[in-house]
Amino acid sequence: TATAGGSTNYADSVKGRFTVSRDNAKNTAYLQMNSLKPED
């Protein structure tokens, strides 16, 4: 989740593996998911 201050909070289960980014010019948000596990 994006915070009001512009940072991102991650669930413990994905912390260190998933990264959120945004391209405001394209009005697009991204979720980069690495080291994927079956529980994802």
All heavy atoms as atom14 arrays in JSON, in Angstrom:
{
  "sequence": "TATAGGSTNYADSVKGRFTVSRDNAKNTAYLQMNSLKPED",
  "atom14_mask": [
    [1, 1, 1, 1, 1, 1, 1, 0, 0, 0, 0, 0, 0, 0],
    [1, 1, 1, 1, 1, 0, 0, 0, 0, 0, 0, 0, 0, 0],
    [1, 1, 1, 1, 1, 1, 1, 0, 0, 0, 0, 0, 0, 0],
    [1, 1, 1, 1, 1, 0, 0, 0, 0, 0, 0, 0, 0, 0],
    [1, 1, 1, 1, 0, 0, 0, 0, 0, 0, 0, 0, 0, 0],
    [1, 1, 1, 1, 0, 0, 0, 0, 0, 0, 0, 0, 0, 0],
    [1, 1, 1, 1, 1, 1, 0, 0, 0, 0, 0, 0, 0, 0],
    [1, 1, 1, 1, 1, 1, 1, 0, 0, 0, 0, 0, 0, 0],
    [1, 1, 1, 1, 1, 1, 1, 1, 0, 0, 0, 0, 0, 0],
    [1, 1, 1, 1, 1, 1, 1, 1, 1, 1, 1, 1, 0, 0],
    [1, 1, 1, 1, 1, 0, 0, 0, 0, 0, 0, 0, 0, 0],
    [1, 1, 1, 1, 1, 1, 1, 1, 0, 0, 0, 0, 0, 0],
    [1, 1, 1, 1, 1, 1, 0, 0, 0, 0, 0, 0, 0, 0],
    [1, 1, 1, 1, 1, 1, 1, 0, 0, 0, 0, 0, 0, 0],
    [1, 1, 1, 1, 1, 1, 1, 1, 1, 0, 0, 0, 0, 0],
    [1, 1, 1, 1, 0, 0, 0, 0, 0, 0, 0, 0, 0, 0],
    [1, 1, 1, 1, 1, 1, 1, 1, 1, 1, 1, 0, 0, 0],
    [1, 1, 1, 1, 1, 1, 1, 1, 1, 1, 1, 0, 0, 0],
    [1, 1, 1, 1, 1, 1, 1, 0, 0, 0, 0, 0, 0, 0],
    [1, 1, 1, 1, 1, 1, 1, 0, 0, 0, 0, 0, 0, 0],
    [1, 1, 1, 1, 1, 1, 0, 0, 0, 0, 0, 0, 0, 0],
    [1, 1, 1, 1, 1, 1, 1, 1, 1, 1, 1, 0, 0, 0],
    [1, 1, 1, 1, 1, 1, 1, 1, 0, 0, 0, 0, 0, 0],
    [1, 1, 1, 1, 1, 1, 1, 1, 0, 0, 0, 0, 0, 0],
    [1, 1, 1, 1, 1, 0, 0, 0, 0, 0, 0, 0, 0, 0],
    [1, 1, 1, 1, 1, 1, 1, 1, 1, 0, 0, 0, 0, 0],
    [1, 1, 1, 1, 1, 1, 1, 1, 0, 0, 0, 0, 0, 0],
    [1, 1, 1, 1, 1, 1, 1, 0, 0, 0, 0, 0, 0, 0],
    [1, 1, 1, 1, 1, 0, 0, 0, 0, 0, 0, 0, 0, 0],
    [1, 1, 1, 1, 1, 1, 1, 1, 1, 1, 1, 1, 0, 0],
    [1, 1, 1, 1, 1, 1, 1, 1, 0, 0, 0, 0, 0, 0],
    [1, 1, 1, 1, 1, 1, 1, 1, 1, 0, 0, 0, 0, 0],
    [1, 1, 1, 1, 1, 1, 1, 1, 0, 0, 0, 0, 0, 0],
    [1, 1, 1, 1, 1, 1, 1, 1, 0, 0, 0, 0, 0, 0],
    [1, 1, 1, 1, 1, 1, 0, 0, 0, 0, 0, 0, 0, 0],
    [1, 1, 1, 1, 1, 1, 1, 1, 0, 0, 0, 0, 0, 0],
    [1, 1, 1, 1, 1, 1, 1, 1, 1, 0, 0, 0, 0, 0],
    [1, 1, 1, 1, 1, 1, 1, 0, 0, 0, 0, 0, 0, 0],
    [1, 1, 1, 1, 1, 1, 1, 1, 1, 0, 0, 0, 0, 0],
    [1, 1, 1, 1, 1, 1, 1, 1, 0, 0, 0, 0, 0, 0]
  ],
  "atom14_positions": [
    [[0.83, -1.19, 0.0], [0.0, 0.0, 0.0], [0.87, 1.25, 0.0], [1.92, 1.28, 0.64], [-0.94, 0.06, 1.21], [-0.18, -0.07, 2.42], [-1.96, -1.06, 1.14], [0.0, 0.0, 0.0], [0.0, 0.0, 0.0], [0.0, 0.0, 0.0], [0.0, 0.0, 0.0], [0.0, 0.0, 0.0], [0.0, 0.0, 0.0], [0.0, 0.0, 0.0]],
    [[0.4, 2.25, -0.71], [1.07, 3.54, -0.74], [0.6, 4.38, 0.43], [-0.59, 4.46, 0.71], [0.79, 4.25, -2.05], [0.0, 0.0, 0.0], [0.0, 0.0, 0.0], [0.0, 0.0, 0.0], [0.0, 0.0, 0.0], [0.0, 0.0, 0.0], [0.0, 0.0, 0.0], [0.0, 0.0, 0.0], [0.0, 0.0, 0.0], [0.0, 0.0, 0.0]],
    [[1.54, 5.01, 1.1], [1.21, 5.86, 2.23], [1.01, 7.29, 1.76], [1.4, 7.67, 0.66], [2.31, 5.82, 3.29], [3.48, 6.48, 2.79], [2.66, 4.39, 3.65], [0.0, 0.0, 0.0], [0.0, 0.0, 0.0], [0.0, 0.0, 0.0], [0.0, 0.0, 0.0], [0.0, 0.0, 0.0], [0.0, 0.0, 0.0], [0.0, 0.0, 0.0]],
    [[0.41, 8.1, 2.64], [0.2, 9.5, 2.32], [1.52, 10.23, 2.12], [1.57, 11.23, 1.4], [-0.62, 10.17, 3.42], [0.0, 0.0, 0.0], [0.0, 0.0, 0.0], [0.0, 0.0, 0.0], [0.0, 0.0, 0.0], [0.0, 0.0, 0.0], [0.0, 0.0, 0.0], [0.0, 0.0, 0.0], [0.0, 0.0, 0.0], [0.0, 0.0, 0.0]],
    [[2.56, 9.74, 2.75], [3.86, 10.37, 2.63], [4.65, 9.95, 1.4], [5.77, 10.43, 1.2], [0.0, 0.0, 0.0], [0.0, 0.0, 0.0], [0.0, 0.0, 0.0], [0.0, 0.0, 0.0], [0.0, 0.0, 0.0], [0.0, 0.0, 0.0], [0.0, 0.0, 0.0], [0.0, 0.0, 0.0], [0.0, 0.0, 0.0], [0.0, 0.0, 0.0]],
    [[4.08, 9.06, 0.58], [4.73, 8.68, -0.66], [5.58, 7.43, -0.59], [6.2, 7.05, -1.59], [0.0, 0.0, 0.0], [0.0, 0.0, 0.0], [0.0, 0.0, 0.0], [0.0, 0.0, 0.0], [0.0, 0.0, 0.0], [0.0, 0.0, 0.0], [0.0, 0.0, 0.0], [0.0, 0.0, 0.0], [0.0, 0.0, 0.0], [0.0, 0.0, 0.0]],
    [[5.63, 6.79, 0.56], [6.37, 5.54, 0.68], [5.43, 4.36, 0.49], [4.23, 4.53, 0.28], [7.08, 5.46, 2.03], [6.13, 5.48, 3.09], [0.0, 0.0, 0.0], [0.0, 0.0, 0.0], [0.0, 0.0, 0.0], [0.0, 0.0, 0.0], [0.0, 0.0, 0.0], [0.0, 0.0, 0.0], [0.0, 0.0, 0.0], [0.0, 0.0, 0.0]],
    [[5.97, 3.16, 0.58], [5.2, 1.95, 0.36], [5.36, 1.0, 1.53], [6.47, 0.76, 2.0], [5.65, 1.24, -0.93], [5.54, 2.13, -2.04], [4.79, 0.01, -1.19], [0.0, 0.0, 0.0], [0.0, 0.0, 0.0], [0.0, 0.0, 0.0], [0.0, 0.0, 0.0], [0.0, 0.0, 0.0], [0.0, 0.0, 0.0], [0.0, 0.0, 0.0]],
    [[4.24, 0.47, 2.0], [4.25, -0.57, 3.01], [3.99, -1.91, 2.34], [3.08, -2.03, 1.52], [3.17, -0.31, 4.06], [3.47, 0.91, 4.9], [4.63, 1.23, 5.15], [2.42, 1.59, 5.35], [0.0, 0.0, 0.0], [0.0, 0.0, 0.0], [0.0, 0.0, 0.0], [0.0, 0.0, 0.0], [0.0, 0.0, 0.0], [0.0, 0.0, 0.0]],
    [[4.77, -2.91, 2.72], [4.64, -4.24, 2.14], [4.21, -5.24, 3.2], [4.62, -5.15, 4.36], [5.96, -4.71, 1.53], [6.43, -3.89, 0.36], [7.28, -2.81, 0.55], [6.03, -4.2, -0.93], [7.72, -2.05, -0.53], [6.47, -3.45, -2.01], [7.31, -2.37, -1.81], [7.74, -1.63, -2.88], [0.0, 0.0, 0.0], [0.0, 0.0, 0.0]],
    [[3.41, -6.21, 2.78], [3.09, -7.32, 3.65], [4.37, -8.08, 3.98], [5.28, -8.19, 3.15], [2.08, -8.24, 2.99], [0.0, 0.0, 0.0], [0.0, 0.0, 0.0], [0.0, 0.0, 0.0], [0.0, 0.0, 0.0], [0.0, 0.0, 0.0], [0.0, 0.0, 0.0], [0.0, 0.0, 0.0], [0.0, 0.0, 0.0], [0.0, 0.0, 0.0]],
    [[4.43, -8.61, 5.19], [5.62, -9.35, 5.6], [5.94, -10.51, 4.65], [7.11, -10.83, 4.43], [5.45, -9.88, 7.02], [5.51, -8.78, 8.07], [6.01, -7.69, 7.76], [5.05, -9.03, 9.2], [0.0, 0.0, 0.0], [0.0, 0.0, 0.0], [0.0, 0.0, 0.0], [0.0, 0.0, 0.0], [0.0, 0.0, 0.0], [0.0, 0.0, 0.0]],
    [[4.91, -11.11, 4.1], [5.09, -12.27, 3.25], [5.79, -11.95, 1.93], [6.33, -12.85, 1.28], [3.75, -12.94, 2.96], [2.86, -12.04, 2.33], [0.0, 0.0, 0.0], [0.0, 0.0, 0.0], [0.0, 0.0, 0.0], [0.0, 0.0, 0.0], [0.0, 0.0, 0.0], [0.0, 0.0, 0.0], [0.0, 0.0, 0.0], [0.0, 0.0, 0.0]],
    [[5.78, -10.68, 1.51], [6.38, -10.31, 0.24], [7.54, -9.34, 0.39], [8.21, -9.03, -0.6], [5.34, -9.71, -0.72], [4.14, -10.63, -0.86], [4.9, -8.32, -0.26], [0.0, 0.0, 0.0], [0.0, 0.0, 0.0], [0.0, 0.0, 0.0], [0.0, 0.0, 0.0], [0.0, 0.0, 0.0], [0.0, 0.0, 0.0], [0.0, 0.0, 0.0]],
    [[7.78, -8.89, 1.58], [8.83, -7.9, 1.82], [10.18, -8.43, 1.36], [10.57, -9.56, 1.68], [8.86, -7.52, 3.3], [9.64, -6.26, 3.61], [9.45, -5.86, 5.07], [7.99, -5.57, 5.39], [7.79, -5.15, 6.81], [0.0, 0.0, 0.0], [0.0, 0.0, 0.0], [0.0, 0.0, 0.0], [0.0, 0.0, 0.0], [0.0, 0.0, 0.0]],
    [[10.89, -7.61, 0.62], [12.18, -8.0, 0.09], [12.11, -8.7, -1.25], [13.15, -8.88, -1.89], [0.0, 0.0, 0.0], [0.0, 0.0, 0.0], [0.0, 0.0, 0.0], [0.0, 0.0, 0.0], [0.0, 0.0, 0.0], [0.0, 0.0, 0.0], [0.0, 0.0, 0.0], [0.0, 0.0, 0.0], [0.0, 0.0, 0.0], [0.0, 0.0, 0.0]],
    [[10.92, -9.1, -1.68], [10.75, -9.79, -2.95], [9.94, -8.98, -3.95], [10.18, -9.07, -5.15], [10.08, -11.14, -2.74], [10.85, -12.09, -1.84], [10.22, -13.48, -1.81], [8.86, -13.45, -1.25], [7.78, -13.82, -1.9], [7.86, -14.26, -3.15], [6.59, -13.78, -1.31], [0.0, 0.0, 0.0], [0.0, 0.0, 0.0], [0.0, 0.0, 0.0]],
    [[8.98, -8.21, -3.47], [8.1, -7.43, -4.33], [8.44, -5.95, -4.22], [8.8, -5.46, -3.14], [6.63, -7.62, -3.94], [6.06, -8.98, -4.22], [6.86, -10.05, -4.57], [4.69, -9.18, -4.11], [6.33, -11.3, -4.83], [4.14, -10.42, -4.36], [4.96, -11.49, -4.72], [0.0, 0.0, 0.0], [0.0, 0.0, 0.0], [0.0, 0.0, 0.0]],
    [[8.29, -5.23, -5.32], [8.56, -3.8, -5.35], [7.49, -3.08, -6.17], [7.18, -3.49, -7.29], [9.94, -3.5, -5.96], [10.96, -4.2, -5.24], [10.23, -2.0, -5.89], [0.0, 0.0, 0.0], [0.0, 0.0, 0.0], [0.0, 0.0, 0.0], [0.0, 0.0, 0.0], [0.0, 0.0, 0.0], [0.0, 0.0, 0.0], [0.0, 0.0, 0.0]],
    [[6.94, -2.02, -5.6], [5.96, -1.2, -6.28], [6.65, -0.01, -6.94], [7.55, 0.59, -6.35], [4.88, -0.69, -5.3], [4.01, 0.38, -5.95], [4.03, -1.85, -4.81], [0.0, 0.0, 0.0], [0.0, 0.0, 0.0], [0.0, 0.0, 0.0], [0.0, 0.0, 0.0], [0.0, 0.0, 0.0], [0.0, 0.0, 0.0], [0.0, 0.0, 0.0]],
    [[6.23, 0.31, -8.14], [6.71, 1.51, -8.81], [5.55, 2.15, -9.56], [4.51, 1.53, -9.76], [7.88, 1.21, -9.75], [7.49, 0.31, -10.78], [0.0, 0.0, 0.0], [0.0, 0.0, 0.0], [0.0, 0.0, 0.0], [0.0, 0.0, 0.0], [0.0, 0.0, 0.0], [0.0, 0.0, 0.0], [0.0, 0.0, 0.0], [0.0, 0.0, 0.0]],
    [[5.76, 3.39, -9.97], [4.72, 4.14, -10.66], [5.31, 4.95, -11.79], [6.45, 5.43, -11.7], [3.99, 5.08, -9.69], [2.92, 4.43, -8.85], [2.88, 5.02, -7.47], [4.03, 4.6, -6.69], [4.18, 4.83, -5.39], [3.26, 5.49, -4.73], [5.27, 4.42, -4.76], [0.0, 0.0, 0.0], [0.0, 0.0, 0.0], [0.0, 0.0, 0.0]],
    [[4.54, 5.08, -12.84], [4.86, 5.98, -13.94], [3.69, 6.94, -14.05], [2.68, 6.63, -14.68], [5.07, 5.21, -15.24], [5.58, 6.1, -16.36], [5.33, 7.32, -16.34], [6.24, 5.57, -17.28], [0.0, 0.0, 0.0], [0.0, 0.0, 0.0], [0.0, 0.0, 0.0], [0.0, 0.0, 0.0], [0.0, 0.0, 0.0], [0.0, 0.0, 0.0]],
    [[3.82, 8.09, -13.43], [2.72, 9.03, -13.38], [2.33, 9.55, -14.76], [1.16, 9.81, -15.02], [3.07, 10.2, -12.46], [3.15, 9.79, -11.01], [2.47, 8.86, -10.56], [3.99, 10.48, -10.25], [0.0, 0.0, 0.0], [0.0, 0.0, 0.0], [0.0, 0.0, 0.0], [0.0, 0.0, 0.0], [0.0, 0.0, 0.0], [0.0, 0.0, 0.0]],
    [[3.31, 9.7, -15.64], [3.02, 10.18, -16.98], [2.12, 9.21, -17.74], [1.33, 9.62, -18.59], [4.31, 10.43, -17.75], [0.0, 0.0, 0.0], [0.0, 0.0, 0.0], [0.0, 0.0, 0.0], [0.0, 0.0, 0.0], [0.0, 0.0, 0.0], [0.0, 0.0, 0.0], [0.0, 0.0, 0.0], [0.0, 0.0, 0.0], [0.0, 0.0, 0.0]],
    [[2.27, 7.93, -17.46], [1.46, 6.91, -18.12], [0.27, 6.46, -17.28], [-0.48, 5.57, -17.69], [2.32, 5.69, -18.44], [3.45, 5.96, -19.43], [4.25, 4.7, -19.7], [5.36, 4.95, -20.7], [6.16, 3.72, -20.96], [0.0, 0.0, 0.0], [0.0, 0.0, 0.0], [0.0, 0.0, 0.0], [0.0, 0.0, 0.0], [0.0, 0.0, 0.0]],
    [[0.12, 7.06, -16.1], [-0.96, 6.67, -15.18], [-0.97, 5.17, -14.95], [-2.02, 4.52, -14.99], [-2.31, 7.14, -15.7], [-2.44, 8.65, -15.7], [-2.32, 9.29, -14.66], [-2.69, 9.22, -16.87], [0.0, 0.0, 0.0], [0.0, 0.0, 0.0], [0.0, 0.0, 0.0], [0.0, 0.0, 0.0], [0.0, 0.0, 0.0], [0.0, 0.0, 0.0]],
    [[0.2, 4.64, -14.69], [0.37, 3.21, -14.54], [1.15, 2.88, -13.28], [2.14, 3.54, -12.97], [1.09, 2.62, -15.76], [0.34, 2.91, -16.95], [1.25, 1.12, -15.63], [0.0, 0.0, 0.0], [0.0, 0.0, 0.0], [0.0, 0.0, 0.0], [0.0, 0.0, 0.0], [0.0, 0.0, 0.0], [0.0, 0.0, 0.0], [0.0, 0.0, 0.0]],
    [[0.68, 1.87, -12.57], [1.38, 1.34, -11.42], [1.89, -0.05, -11.75], [1.28, -0.78, -12.55], [0.47, 1.3, -10.2], [0.0, 0.0, 0.0], [0.0, 0.0, 0.0], [0.0, 0.0, 0.0], [0.0, 0.0, 0.0], [0.0, 0.0, 0.0], [0.0, 0.0, 0.0], [0.0, 0.0, 0.0], [0.0, 0.0, 0.0], [0.0, 0.0, 0.0]],
    [[2.98, -0.44, -11.13], [3.6, -1.72, -11.39], [3.86, -2.46, -10.09], [4.05, -1.86, -9.04], [4.94, -1.54, -12.13], [4.85, -0.78, -13.41], [5.06, 0.6, -13.45], [4.54, -1.42, -14.61], [4.97, 1.31, -14.62], [4.46, -0.72, -15.79], [4.68, 0.64, -15.8], [4.59, 1.34, -16.98], [0.0, 0.0, 0.0], [0.0, 0.0, 0.0]],
    [[3.89, -3.76, -10.2], [4.31, -4.61, -9.11], [5.33, -5.6, -9.64], [4.98, -6.52, -10.39], [3.13, -5.35, -8.48], [3.47, -6.26, -7.3], [3.97, -5.42, -6.12], [2.27, -7.1, -6.89], [0.0, 0.0, 0.0], [0.0, 0.0, 0.0], [0.0, 0.0, 0.0], [0.0, 0.0, 0.0], [0.0, 0.0, 0.0], [0.0, 0.0, 0.0]],
    [[6.59, -5.38, -9.3], [7.65, -6.29, -9.67], [7.73, -7.39, -8.64], [7.94, -7.12, -7.45], [8.99, -5.55, -9.77], [10.17, -6.44, -10.12], [10.08, -6.99, -11.52], [9.78, -6.26, -12.46], [10.32, -8.3, -11.67], [0.0, 0.0, 0.0], [0.0, 0.0, 0.0], [0.0, 0.0, 0.0], [0.0, 0.0, 0.0], [0.0, 0.0, 0.0]],
    [[7.58, -8.62, -9.07], [7.57, -9.77, -8.18], [8.74, -10.68, -8.52], [8.8, -11.22, -9.63], [6.25, -10.53, -8.29], [5.02, -9.66, -8.05], [3.48, -10.61, -8.09], [3.47, -11.12, -9.82], [0.0, 0.0, 0.0], [0.0, 0.0, 0.0], [0.0, 0.0, 0.0], [0.0, 0.0, 0.0], [0.0, 0.0, 0.0], [0.0, 0.0, 0.0]],
    [[9.64, -10.84, -7.59], [10.8, -11.69, -7.76], [10.76, -12.83, -6.76], [10.05, -12.78, -5.76], [12.09, -10.88, -7.57], [12.24, -9.76, -8.57], [11.86, -9.89, -9.73], [12.82, -8.64, -8.12], [0.0, 0.0, 0.0], [0.0, 0.0, 0.0], [0.0, 0.0, 0.0], [0.0, 0.0, 0.0], [0.0, 0.0, 0.0], [0.0, 0.0, 0.0]],
    [[11.56, -13.84, -7.03], [11.66, -15.0, -6.13], [10.28, -15.54, -5.77], [9.97, -15.79, -4.61], [12.44, -14.63, -4.87], [13.74, -14.17, -5.19], [0.0, 0.0, 0.0], [0.0, 0.0, 0.0], [0.0, 0.0, 0.0], [0.0, 0.0, 0.0], [0.0, 0.0, 0.0], [0.0, 0.0, 0.0], [0.0, 0.0, 0.0], [0.0, 0.0, 0.0]],
    [[9.47, -15.73, -6.78], [8.08, -16.13, -6.54], [8.0, -17.52, -5.93], [8.79, -18.41, -6.24], [7.3, -16.08, -7.84], [6.9, -14.67, -8.27], [6.52, -14.63, -9.74], [5.74, -14.16, -7.42], [0.0, 0.0, 0.0], [0.0, 0.0, 0.0], [0.0, 0.0, 0.0], [0.0, 0.0, 0.0], [0.0, 0.0, 0.0], [0.0, 0.0, 0.0]],
    [[7.02, -17.67, -5.05], [6.76, -18.91, -4.34], [5.37, -19.41, -4.67], [4.49, -18.63, -5.03], [6.87, -18.68, -2.83], [8.19, -18.08, -2.37], [8.14, -17.78, -0.88], [9.44, -17.17, -0.4], [9.39, -16.86, 1.07], [0.0, 0.0, 0.0], [0.0, 0.0, 0.0], [0.0, 0.0, 0.0], [0.0, 0.0, 0.0], [0.0, 0.0, 0.0]],
    [[5.13, -20.71, -4.52], [3.78, -21.23, -4.77], [2.71, -20.51, -3.96], [1.58, -20.34, -4.44], [3.9, -22.7, -4.38], [5.32, -23.04, -4.66], [6.09, -21.8, -4.28], [0.0, 0.0, 0.0], [0.0, 0.0, 0.0], [0.0, 0.0, 0.0], [0.0, 0.0, 0.0], [0.0, 0.0, 0.0], [0.0, 0.0, 0.0], [0.0, 0.0, 0.0]],
    [[3.03, -20.09, -2.74], [2.05, -19.4, -1.92], [1.71, -18.0, -2.41], [0.8, -17.36, -1.89], [2.51, -19.34, -0.45], [3.92, -18.82, -0.28], [4.94, -19.94, -0.12], [4.88, -20.91, -0.9], [5.79, -19.85, 0.79], [0.0, 0.0, 0.0], [0.0, 0.0, 0.0], [0.0, 0.0, 0.0], [0.0, 0.0, 0.0], [0.0, 0.0, 0.0]],
    [[2.43, -17.52, -3.42], [2.08, -16.25, -4.05], [0.96, -16.41, -5.07], [0.47, -15.41, -5.61], [3.3, -15.64, -4.76], [4.4, -15.25, -3.78], [4.08, -14.7, -2.7], [5.58, -15.48, -4.1], [0.0, 0.0, 0.0], [0.0, 0.0, 0.0], [0.0, 0.0, 0.0], [0.0, 0.0, 0.0], [0.0, 0.0, 0.0], [0.0, 0.0, 0.0]]
  ]
}
